[in-house]
């Protein structure tokens, strides 16, 4: 992990351990087989039109694999991945939240 990376949470899953957080302002995922060496496997800025306003706060094992929650451009977001290695799919939840008047 680089100096501008922030780790929010880590769980046992995928290839061993999966950590989520942000790197350079983008949602990010890292994996490790042993907890000593980590590889960044996902950077939301590389696959999203929204950059520098995303992060993952939490991750859990469930459903089809791993589910992470966080924020993307000020809206709640959910990412899913079967194994923590394949690129997470995301869903921005703002359209499901009540609008403020």
Protein backbone atom coordinates (compact mmCIF):
# COMPACT_ATOMS: atom_id res chain seq x y z
CA UNK A 1 0.00 0.00 0.00
CA UNK A 2 1.19 3.51 -0.75
CA UNK A 3 1.31 6.48 1.62
CA UNK A 4 -1.87 7.94 0.17
CA UNK A 5 -3.85 4.74 0.78
CA UNK A 6 -6.35 4.42 3.62
CA UNK A 7 -7.47 1.03 4.84
CA UNK A 8 -11.01 0.92 6.28
CA UNK A 9 -11.63 -2.78 6.92
CA UNK A 10 -10.21 -6.23 6.31
CA UNK A 11 -11.88 -9.67 6.21
CA UNK A 12 -10.89 -13.26 5.57
CA UNK A 13 -12.15 -14.11 2.09
CA UNK A 14 -11.16 -14.34 -1.54
CA UNK A 15 -7.58 -15.55 -1.86
CA UNK A 16 -6.93 -15.21 1.90
CA UNK A 17 -7.49 -11.64 3.10
CA UNK A 18 -9.33 -8.77 1.43
CA UNK A 19 -9.00 -5.13 2.54
CA UNK A 20 -11.02 -2.13 1.37
CA UNK A 21 -10.53 1.61 1.63
CA UNK A 22 -9.28 4.31 -0.71
CA UNK A 23 -6.18 5.15 -2.68
CA UNK A 24 -5.59 8.59 -4.19
CA UNK A 25 -9.25 9.44 -3.45
CA UNK A 26 -10.65 6.40 -5.27
CA UNK A 27 -12.31 3.32 -3.79
CA UNK A 28 -9.74 0.53 -3.64
CA UNK A 29 -9.36 -3.19 -2.83
CA UNK A 30 -6.23 -5.04 -1.77
CA UNK A 31 -5.71 -8.79 -1.36
CA UNK A 32 -3.13 -10.87 0.47
CA UNK A 33 -2.52 -14.58 0.78
CA UNK A 34 -0.55 -14.28 4.04
CA UNK A 35 -1.19 -10.78 5.45
CA UNK A 36 2.45 -9.79 4.93
CA UNK A 37 2.40 -8.83 1.25
CA UNK A 38 -0.54 -6.95 -0.28
CA UNK A 39 -1.53 -6.26 -3.90
CA UNK A 40 -3.99 -3.60 -4.98
CA UNK A 41 -6.47 -5.34 -7.27
CA UNK A 42 -9.05 -2.59 -7.76
CA UNK A 43 -8.95 1.18 -8.18
CA UNK A 44 -12.38 2.70 -8.83
CA UNK A 45 -10.81 5.67 -10.62
CA UNK A 46 -9.55 3.33 -13.32
CA UNK A 47 -13.05 2.05 -14.15
CA UNK A 48 -15.38 4.90 -13.20
CA UNK A 49 -16.18 8.32 -14.58
CA UNK A 50 -16.18 9.60 -11.00
CA UNK A 51 -12.69 10.12 -9.61
CA UNK A 52 -11.33 11.30 -6.29
CA UNK A 53 -14.59 11.16 -4.35
CA UNK A 54 -15.03 7.48 -3.61
CA UNK A 55 -14.17 5.17 -0.77
CA UNK A 56 -15.15 1.81 0.68
CA UNK A 57 -15.95 1.83 4.40
CA UNK A 58 -16.77 -1.78 5.12
CA UNK A 59 -16.64 -5.25 3.57
CA UNK A 60 -18.22 -8.56 4.50
CA UNK A 61 -18.38 -12.08 3.14
CA UNK A 62 -21.89 -12.97 2.00
CA UNK A 63 -24.19 -13.40 -0.93
CA UNK A 64 -22.22 -14.38 -4.00
CA UNK A 65 -18.85 -13.56 -2.39
CA UNK A 66 -17.83 -10.18 -0.99
CA UNK A 67 -19.99 -7.10 -0.48
CA UNK A 68 -18.45 -3.68 0.25
CA UNK A 69 -20.25 -0.44 1.08
CA UNK A 70 -19.07 3.13 0.92
CA UNK A 71 -19.60 6.34 -0.99
CA UNK A 72 -19.27 7.50 -4.58
CA UNK A 73 -19.61 11.19 -5.37
CA UNK A 74 -21.61 11.84 -2.20
CA UNK A 75 -24.05 8.94 -2.68
CA UNK A 76 -24.16 5.59 -0.93
CA UNK A 77 -22.57 2.84 -3.02
CA UNK A 78 -22.35 -0.95 -2.91
CA UNK A 79 -19.69 -3.07 -4.63
CA UNK A 80 -19.82 -6.85 -5.07
CA UNK A 81 -17.15 -9.34 -6.11
CA UNK A 82 -17.27 -13.11 -6.30
CA UNK A 83 -13.71 -13.59 -5.06
CA UNK A 84 -12.15 -10.23 -4.20
CA UNK A 85 -9.91 -10.50 -7.26
CA UNK A 86 -12.37 -9.97 -10.08
CA UNK A 87 -13.31 -6.33 -10.57
CA UNK A 88 -16.10 -5.34 -8.22
CA UNK A 89 -19.39 -4.26 -9.78
CA UNK A 90 -20.82 -1.13 -8.21
CA UNK A 91 -24.25 0.33 -7.70
CA UNK A 92 -24.69 3.94 -6.60
CA UNK A 93 -27.67 4.02 -4.30
CA UNK A 94 -28.76 7.68 -4.55
CA UNK A 95 -31.76 6.81 -6.71
CA UNK A 96 -33.06 4.55 -3.93
CA UNK A 97 -32.69 7.04 -1.10
CA UNK A 98 -35.38 9.55 -0.15
CA UNK A 99 -34.87 13.00 -1.60
CA UNK A 100 -34.49 15.96 0.69
CA UNK A 101 -36.92 18.81 0.17
